[in-house]
Amino acid sequence: MKQFVLNQTYCKVLFTISELNKLSYYPLNEGVYKILVGLNDEEVAPFQEIITFGTLTSYSSKKICHLTNMLFKHGYIGRIYDPKTKKLYLRVTDEGENSLKEFFLKHKKSFYKRKPKAAPTIVKIVD
């Protein structure tokens, strides 16, 4: 059986949730996705300073959901219920926080931010 390894991609997801939790925000998978791919909308605008903002631009919502589910399965994140919205939101567990600290002791705390590709202004269309 393969052992679960907390690599840099998992750490980006975990770190994003952790930073939101420290600000007393608890995201859904969609919120984590919006931050990691760097979507510019009003909901995630206050979180553009998180260092993981826009670091996984090529990932789909489905892939981010898979990453959070794996973190949940292995005990790095948990869920917290909000009675107002009747939904389960993501929170980092103590094990997740400890794993992040260990990861950043071995690795730099900088993530490469990819610039979103701008739409071309001139294209050649061949019939």
N, C-alpha and C. Protein backbone atom coordinates (compact mmCIF):
# COMPACT_ATOMS: atom_id res chain seq x y z
N MET A 1 0.85 -1.19 0.00
CA MET A 1 0.00 0.00 0.00
C MET A 1 0.89 1.25 0.00
N LYS A 2 0.54 2.19 -0.84
CA LYS A 2 1.30 3.43 -0.95
C LYS A 2 1.08 4.31 0.27
N GLN A 3 2.15 4.94 0.70
CA GLN A 3 2.06 5.88 1.81
C GLN A 3 1.77 7.27 1.25
N PHE A 4 0.88 7.99 1.92
CA PHE A 4 0.53 9.34 1.49
C PHE A 4 1.69 10.29 1.77
N VAL A 5 2.07 11.05 0.75
CA VAL A 5 3.17 12.00 0.88
C VAL A 5 2.62 13.41 0.69
N LEU A 6 2.92 14.26 1.64
CA LEU A 6 2.47 15.65 1.58
C LEU A 6 3.46 16.43 0.71
N ASN A 7 3.14 16.55 -0.58
CA ASN A 7 4.03 17.26 -1.50
C ASN A 7 3.66 18.74 -1.56
N GLN A 8 4.34 19.48 -2.42
CA GLN A 8 4.15 20.93 -2.49
C GLN A 8 2.73 21.31 -2.90
N THR A 9 2.12 20.55 -3.80
CA THR A 9 0.76 20.87 -4.23
C THR A 9 -0.23 20.71 -3.08
N TYR A 10 -0.11 19.62 -2.35
CA TYR A 10 -0.98 19.44 -1.18
C TYR A 10 -0.73 20.54 -0.16
N CYS A 11 0.52 20.93 0.00
CA CYS A 11 0.84 22.00 0.95
C CYS A 11 0.24 23.34 0.53
N LYS A 12 0.16 23.59 -0.76
CA LYS A 12 -0.47 24.83 -1.22
C LYS A 12 -1.94 24.85 -0.82
N VAL A 13 -2.62 23.73 -1.01
CA VAL A 13 -4.03 23.64 -0.64
C VAL A 13 -4.18 23.78 0.87
N LEU A 14 -3.37 23.04 1.61
CA LEU A 14 -3.42 23.07 3.07
C LEU A 14 -3.08 24.45 3.62
N PHE A 15 -2.07 25.08 3.05
CA PHE A 15 -1.65 26.42 3.49
C PHE A 15 -2.76 27.44 3.21
N THR A 16 -3.41 27.34 2.07
CA THR A 16 -4.50 28.26 1.72
C THR A 16 -5.63 28.16 2.74
N ILE A 17 -6.03 26.94 3.06
CA ILE A 17 -7.10 26.74 4.04
C ILE A 17 -6.65 27.25 5.41
N SER A 18 -5.40 26.97 5.78
CA SER A 18 -4.86 27.42 7.06
C SER A 18 -4.87 28.94 7.18
N GLU A 19 -4.42 29.62 6.14
CA GLU A 19 -4.40 31.09 6.17
C GLU A 19 -5.81 31.66 6.29
N LEU A 20 -6.76 31.07 5.59
CA LEU A 20 -8.15 31.52 5.72
C LEU A 20 -8.67 31.27 7.12
N ASN A 21 -8.37 30.11 7.69
CA ASN A 21 -8.81 29.79 9.04
C ASN A 21 -8.25 30.76 10.06
N LYS A 22 -6.98 31.17 9.87
CA LYS A 22 -6.36 32.13 10.79
C LYS A 22 -7.08 33.47 10.76
N LEU A 23 -7.71 33.78 9.63
CA LEU A 23 -8.49 35.01 9.50
C LEU A 23 -9.96 34.80 9.87
N SER A 24 -10.26 33.63 10.44
CA SER A 24 -11.62 33.22 10.82
C SER A 24 -12.55 33.03 9.63
N TYR A 25 -11.99 32.61 8.50
CA TYR A 25 -12.77 32.25 7.32
C TYR A 25 -12.63 30.75 7.10
N TYR A 26 -13.72 30.13 6.70
CA TYR A 26 -13.74 28.70 6.44
C TYR A 26 -14.31 28.48 5.04
N PRO A 27 -13.50 27.99 4.11
CA PRO A 27 -13.93 27.91 2.72
C PRO A 27 -14.60 26.58 2.37
N LEU A 28 -15.32 26.61 1.27
CA LEU A 28 -15.74 25.40 0.58
C LEU A 28 -14.65 25.07 -0.44
N ASN A 29 -14.76 23.92 -1.08
CA ASN A 29 -13.79 23.57 -2.13
C ASN A 29 -13.72 24.65 -3.21
N GLU A 30 -14.87 25.21 -3.54
CA GLU A 30 -14.91 26.23 -4.60
C GLU A 30 -14.11 27.47 -4.22
N GLY A 31 -14.15 27.85 -2.95
CA GLY A 31 -13.38 29.00 -2.50
C GLY A 31 -11.88 28.75 -2.58
N VAL A 32 -11.47 27.55 -2.19
CA VAL A 32 -10.06 27.18 -2.29
C VAL A 32 -9.63 27.21 -3.76
N TYR A 33 -10.47 26.67 -4.62
CA TYR A 33 -10.19 26.66 -6.06
C TYR A 33 -10.01 28.09 -6.60
N LYS A 34 -10.91 28.98 -6.24
CA LYS A 34 -10.83 30.36 -6.74
C LYS A 34 -9.53 31.05 -6.33
N ILE A 35 -9.08 30.80 -5.12
CA ILE A 35 -7.84 31.41 -4.65
C ILE A 35 -6.63 30.80 -5.36
N LEU A 36 -6.59 29.48 -5.45
CA LEU A 36 -5.42 28.82 -6.03
C LEU A 36 -5.25 29.08 -7.52
N VAL A 37 -6.35 29.24 -8.25
CA VAL A 37 -6.21 29.55 -9.68
C VAL A 37 -6.13 31.05 -9.93
N GLY A 38 -6.38 31.85 -8.91
CA GLY A 38 -6.23 33.29 -9.03
C GLY A 38 -7.37 34.00 -9.72
N LEU A 39 -8.59 33.52 -9.51
CA LEU A 39 -9.74 34.19 -10.12
C LEU A 39 -9.92 35.57 -9.50
N ASN A 40 -10.21 36.51 -10.34
CA ASN A 40 -10.42 37.88 -9.87
C ASN A 40 -11.91 38.15 -9.77
N ASP A 41 -12.48 37.83 -8.65
CA ASP A 41 -13.86 38.21 -8.40
C ASP A 41 -13.96 38.82 -7.01
N GLU A 42 -15.08 39.41 -6.72
CA GLU A 42 -15.22 40.17 -5.47
C GLU A 42 -15.15 39.30 -4.23
N GLU A 43 -15.51 38.03 -4.34
CA GLU A 43 -15.47 37.16 -3.17
C GLU A 43 -14.04 36.86 -2.71
N VAL A 44 -13.13 36.68 -3.64
CA VAL A 44 -11.74 36.34 -3.28
C VAL A 44 -10.80 37.54 -3.30
N ALA A 45 -11.30 38.70 -3.65
CA ALA A 45 -10.45 39.90 -3.69
C ALA A 45 -9.73 40.18 -2.37
N PRO A 46 -10.37 39.98 -1.21
CA PRO A 46 -9.66 40.24 0.05
C PRO A 46 -8.51 39.26 0.33
N PHE A 47 -8.45 38.16 -0.43
CA PHE A 47 -7.46 37.13 -0.15
C PHE A 47 -6.34 37.07 -1.19
N GLN A 48 -6.20 38.09 -1.99
CA GLN A 48 -5.17 38.10 -3.03
C GLN A 48 -3.76 38.20 -2.45
N GLU A 49 -3.64 38.55 -1.19
CA GLU A 49 -2.31 38.66 -0.56
C GLU A 49 -1.80 37.32 -0.04
N ILE A 50 -2.65 36.31 -0.02
CA ILE A 50 -2.19 34.98 0.40
C ILE A 50 -1.18 34.51 -0.64
N ILE A 51 -0.04 33.99 -0.19
CA ILE A 51 1.05 33.68 -1.13
C ILE A 51 0.71 32.55 -2.10
N THR A 52 -0.34 31.80 -1.83
CA THR A 52 -0.73 30.73 -2.76
C THR A 52 -1.73 31.22 -3.82
N PHE A 53 -2.12 32.47 -3.76
CA PHE A 53 -3.08 33.01 -4.72
C PHE A 53 -2.50 32.92 -6.13
N GLY A 54 -3.20 32.21 -7.01
CA GLY A 54 -2.78 32.10 -8.40
C GLY A 54 -1.60 31.19 -8.64
N THR A 55 -1.34 30.24 -7.75
CA THR A 55 -0.17 29.36 -7.93
C THR A 55 -0.52 28.05 -8.63
N LEU A 56 -1.80 27.73 -8.77
CA LEU A 56 -2.20 26.50 -9.46
C LEU A 56 -3.17 26.83 -10.60
N THR A 57 -2.74 27.70 -11.50
CA THR A 57 -3.63 28.20 -12.55
C THR A 57 -4.10 27.13 -13.52
N SER A 58 -3.37 26.06 -13.67
CA SER A 58 -3.76 25.03 -14.64
C SER A 58 -4.66 23.96 -14.04
N TYR A 59 -4.96 24.04 -12.76
CA TYR A 59 -5.77 23.02 -12.10
C TYR A 59 -7.26 23.31 -12.27
N SER A 60 -8.03 22.24 -12.45
CA SER A 60 -9.49 22.37 -12.56
C SER A 60 -10.11 22.32 -11.17
N SER A 61 -11.35 22.69 -11.10
CA SER A 61 -12.09 22.63 -9.84
C SER A 61 -12.16 21.19 -9.34
N LYS A 62 -12.30 20.26 -10.27
CA LYS A 62 -12.37 18.84 -9.91
C LYS A 62 -11.05 18.37 -9.29
N LYS A 63 -9.92 18.81 -9.82
CA LYS A 63 -8.62 18.42 -9.30
C LYS A 63 -8.41 18.99 -7.89
N ILE A 64 -8.79 20.25 -7.67
CA ILE A 64 -8.66 20.87 -6.35
C ILE A 64 -9.55 20.12 -5.35
N CYS A 65 -10.74 19.74 -5.78
CA CYS A 65 -11.64 18.97 -4.92
C CYS A 65 -11.01 17.63 -4.55
N HIS A 66 -10.36 16.99 -5.49
CA HIS A 66 -9.67 15.72 -5.21
C HIS A 66 -8.56 15.94 -4.17
N LEU A 67 -7.80 17.02 -4.32
CA LEU A 67 -6.72 17.31 -3.38
C LEU A 67 -7.27 17.53 -1.96
N THR A 68 -8.35 18.29 -1.84
CA THR A 68 -8.92 18.52 -0.51
C THR A 68 -9.51 17.24 0.07
N ASN A 69 -10.10 16.41 -0.77
CA ASN A 69 -10.64 15.14 -0.29
C ASN A 69 -9.53 14.22 0.23
N MET A 70 -8.39 14.21 -0.44
CA MET A 70 -7.26 13.39 0.02
C MET A 70 -6.73 13.93 1.36
N LEU A 71 -6.65 15.26 1.49
CA LEU A 71 -6.20 15.85 2.75
C LEU A 71 -7.18 15.51 3.88
N PHE A 72 -8.47 15.50 3.56
CA PHE A 72 -9.49 15.14 4.54
C PHE A 72 -9.36 13.67 4.92
N LYS A 73 -9.20 12.82 3.93
CA LYS A 73 -9.10 11.37 4.15
C LYS A 73 -7.93 11.02 5.07
N HIS A 74 -6.83 11.77 4.96
CA HIS A 74 -5.64 11.48 5.75
C HIS A 74 -5.54 12.33 7.02
N GLY A 75 -6.59 13.08 7.35
CA GLY A 75 -6.67 13.77 8.63
C GLY A 75 -5.98 15.13 8.70
N TYR A 76 -5.59 15.69 7.57
CA TYR A 76 -4.94 17.00 7.58
C TYR A 76 -5.96 18.15 7.67
N ILE A 77 -7.15 17.91 7.15
CA ILE A 77 -8.22 18.90 7.27
C ILE A 77 -9.47 18.20 7.79
N GLY A 78 -10.33 19.01 8.37
CA GLY A 78 -11.61 18.52 8.86
C GLY A 78 -12.71 19.40 8.31
N ARG A 79 -13.88 19.17 8.80
CA ARG A 79 -15.02 19.97 8.35
C ARG A 79 -15.68 20.61 9.56
N ILE A 80 -16.22 21.79 9.33
CA ILE A 80 -16.92 22.51 10.38
C ILE A 80 -18.29 22.91 9.81
N TYR A 81 -19.34 22.68 10.59
CA TYR A 81 -20.71 22.92 10.14
C TYR A 81 -21.15 24.33 10.47
N ASP A 82 -21.76 24.99 9.49
CA ASP A 82 -22.34 26.32 9.71
C ASP A 82 -23.86 26.18 9.69
N PRO A 83 -24.51 26.40 10.82
CA PRO A 83 -25.97 26.23 10.87
C PRO A 83 -26.74 27.25 10.01
N LYS A 84 -26.13 28.39 9.74
CA LYS A 84 -26.82 29.41 8.92
C LYS A 84 -26.95 28.94 7.47
N THR A 85 -25.85 28.45 6.90
CA THR A 85 -25.88 28.02 5.50
C THR A 85 -26.16 26.52 5.36
N LYS A 86 -26.09 25.79 6.48
CA LYS A 86 -26.29 24.34 6.51
C LYS A 86 -25.30 23.61 5.59
N LYS A 87 -24.05 24.07 5.62
CA LYS A 87 -23.00 23.45 4.81
C LYS A 87 -21.79 23.14 5.68
N LEU A 88 -20.98 22.21 5.20
CA LEU A 88 -19.73 21.85 5.88
C LEU A 88 -18.57 22.57 5.22
N TYR A 89 -17.83 23.33 6.00
CA TYR A 89 -16.70 24.10 5.50
C TYR A 89 -15.40 23.46 5.95
N LEU A 90 -14.30 23.84 5.32
CA LEU A 90 -13.00 23.22 5.57
C LEU A 90 -12.23 23.95 6.66
N ARG A 91 -11.58 23.17 7.51
CA ARG A 91 -10.69 23.71 8.53
C ARG A 91 -9.49 22.79 8.64
N VAL A 92 -8.35 23.35 8.98
CA VAL A 92 -7.12 22.58 9.13
C VAL A 92 -7.08 22.00 10.53
N THR A 93 -6.73 20.72 10.62
CA THR A 93 -6.61 20.05 11.93
C THR A 93 -5.24 20.35 12.53
N ASP A 94 -5.06 19.96 13.77
CA ASP A 94 -3.76 20.13 14.43
C ASP A 94 -2.68 19.35 13.68
N GLU A 95 -3.03 18.15 13.21
CA GLU A 95 -2.08 17.36 12.42
C GLU A 95 -1.68 18.10 11.15
N GLY A 96 -2.65 18.76 10.53
CA GLY A 96 -2.36 19.53 9.32
C GLY A 96 -1.44 20.70 9.59
N GLU A 97 -1.66 21.41 10.69
CA GLU A 97 -0.81 22.54 11.07
C GLU A 97 0.62 22.06 11.36
N ASN A 98 0.74 20.96 12.07
CA ASN A 98 2.07 20.42 12.38
C ASN A 98 2.79 19.97 11.11
N SER A 99 2.07 19.37 10.19
CA SER A 99 2.67 18.93 8.94
C SER A 99 3.13 20.11 8.10
N LEU A 100 2.36 21.20 8.11
CA LEU A 100 2.78 22.41 7.39
C LEU A 100 4.07 22.96 7.98
N LYS A 101 4.14 23.01 9.30
CA LYS A 101 5.36 23.51 9.95
C LYS A 101 6.57 22.67 9.57
N GLU A 102 6.41 21.35 9.59
CA GLU A 102 7.50 20.45 9.20
C GLU A 102 7.90 20.64 7.75
N PHE A 103 6.90 20.81 6.88
CA PHE A 103 7.18 21.00 5.45
C PHE A 103 7.99 22.28 5.24
N PHE A 104 7.60 23.36 5.92
CA PHE A 104 8.28 24.63 5.70
C PHE A 104 9.63 24.71 6.41
N LEU A 105 9.90 23.81 7.33
CA LEU A 105 11.24 23.72 7.88
C LEU A 105 12.22 23.17 6.84
N LYS A 106 11.72 22.30 5.97
CA LYS A 106 12.55 21.68 4.94
C LYS A 106 12.55 22.46 3.62
N HIS A 107 11.52 23.24 3.37
CA HIS A 107 11.36 23.95 2.10
C HIS A 107 11.13 25.43 2.34
N LYS A 108 11.48 26.22 1.33
CA LYS A 108 11.22 27.66 1.42
C LYS A 108 9.72 27.91 1.39
N LYS A 109 9.32 28.99 2.01
CA LYS A 109 7.91 29.36 2.05
C LYS A 109 7.58 30.33 0.92
N SER A 110 8.01 29.98 -0.27
CA SER A 110 7.67 30.80 -1.43
C SER A 110 7.12 29.90 -2.51
N PHE A 111 6.05 30.33 -3.09
CA PHE A 111 5.42 29.58 -4.16
C PHE A 111 5.45 30.42 -5.43
N TYR A 112 5.76 29.78 -6.52
CA TYR A 112 5.83 30.47 -7.80
C TYR A 112 4.43 30.81 -8.27
N LYS A 113 4.20 32.09 -8.53
CA LYS A 113 2.90 32.53 -9.04
C LYS A 113 2.95 32.60 -10.55
N ARG A 114 2.07 31.89 -11.17
CA ARG A 114 2.00 31.91 -12.62
C ARG A 114 1.13 33.06 -13.07
N LYS A 115 1.59 33.73 -14.07
CA LYS A 115 0.79 34.82 -14.63
C LYS A 115 -0.26 34.20 -15.55
N PRO A 116 -1.52 34.60 -15.38
CA PRO A 116 -2.53 34.07 -16.29
C PRO A 116 -2.25 34.53 -17.71
N LYS A 117 -2.46 33.63 -18.64
CA LYS A 117 -2.22 33.97 -20.03
C LYS A 117 -3.29 34.93 -20.51
N ALA A 118 -2.85 36.02 -21.07
CA ALA A 118 -3.79 37.01 -21.60
C ALA A 118 -4.32 36.52 -22.94
N ALA A 119 -5.54 36.87 -23.21
CA ALA A 119 -6.12 36.50 -24.50
C ALA A 119 -5.38 37.26 -25.60
N PRO A 120 -5.09 36.59 -26.72
CA PRO A 120 -4.38 37.28 -27.79
C PRO A 120 -5.23 38.40 -28.37
N THR A 121 -4.58 39.49 -28.71
CA THR A 121 -5.31 40.63 -29.29
C THR A 121 -5.36 40.56 -30.81
N ILE A 122 -4.46 39.78 -31.40
CA ILE A 122 -4.45 39.62 -32.85
C ILE A 122 -4.34 38.12 -33.15
N VAL A 123 -5.29 37.60 -33.89
CA VAL A 123 -5.24 36.19 -34.27
C VAL A 123 -5.47 36.04 -35.74
N LYS A 124 -4.92 34.99 -36.31
CA LYS A 124 -5.13 34.70 -37.72
C LYS A 124 -6.12 33.55 -37.81
N ILE A 125 -7.23 33.80 -38.48
CA ILE A 125 -8.25 32.80 -38.63
C ILE A 125 -8.24 32.36 -40.08
N VAL A 126 -8.03 31.06 -40.27
CA VAL A 126 -7.96 30.51 -41.62
C VAL A 126 -9.23 29.73 -41.88
N ASP A 127 -9.87 30.03 -42.99
CA ASP A 127 -11.12 29.30 -43.35
C ASP A 127 -10.81 28.00 -44.00
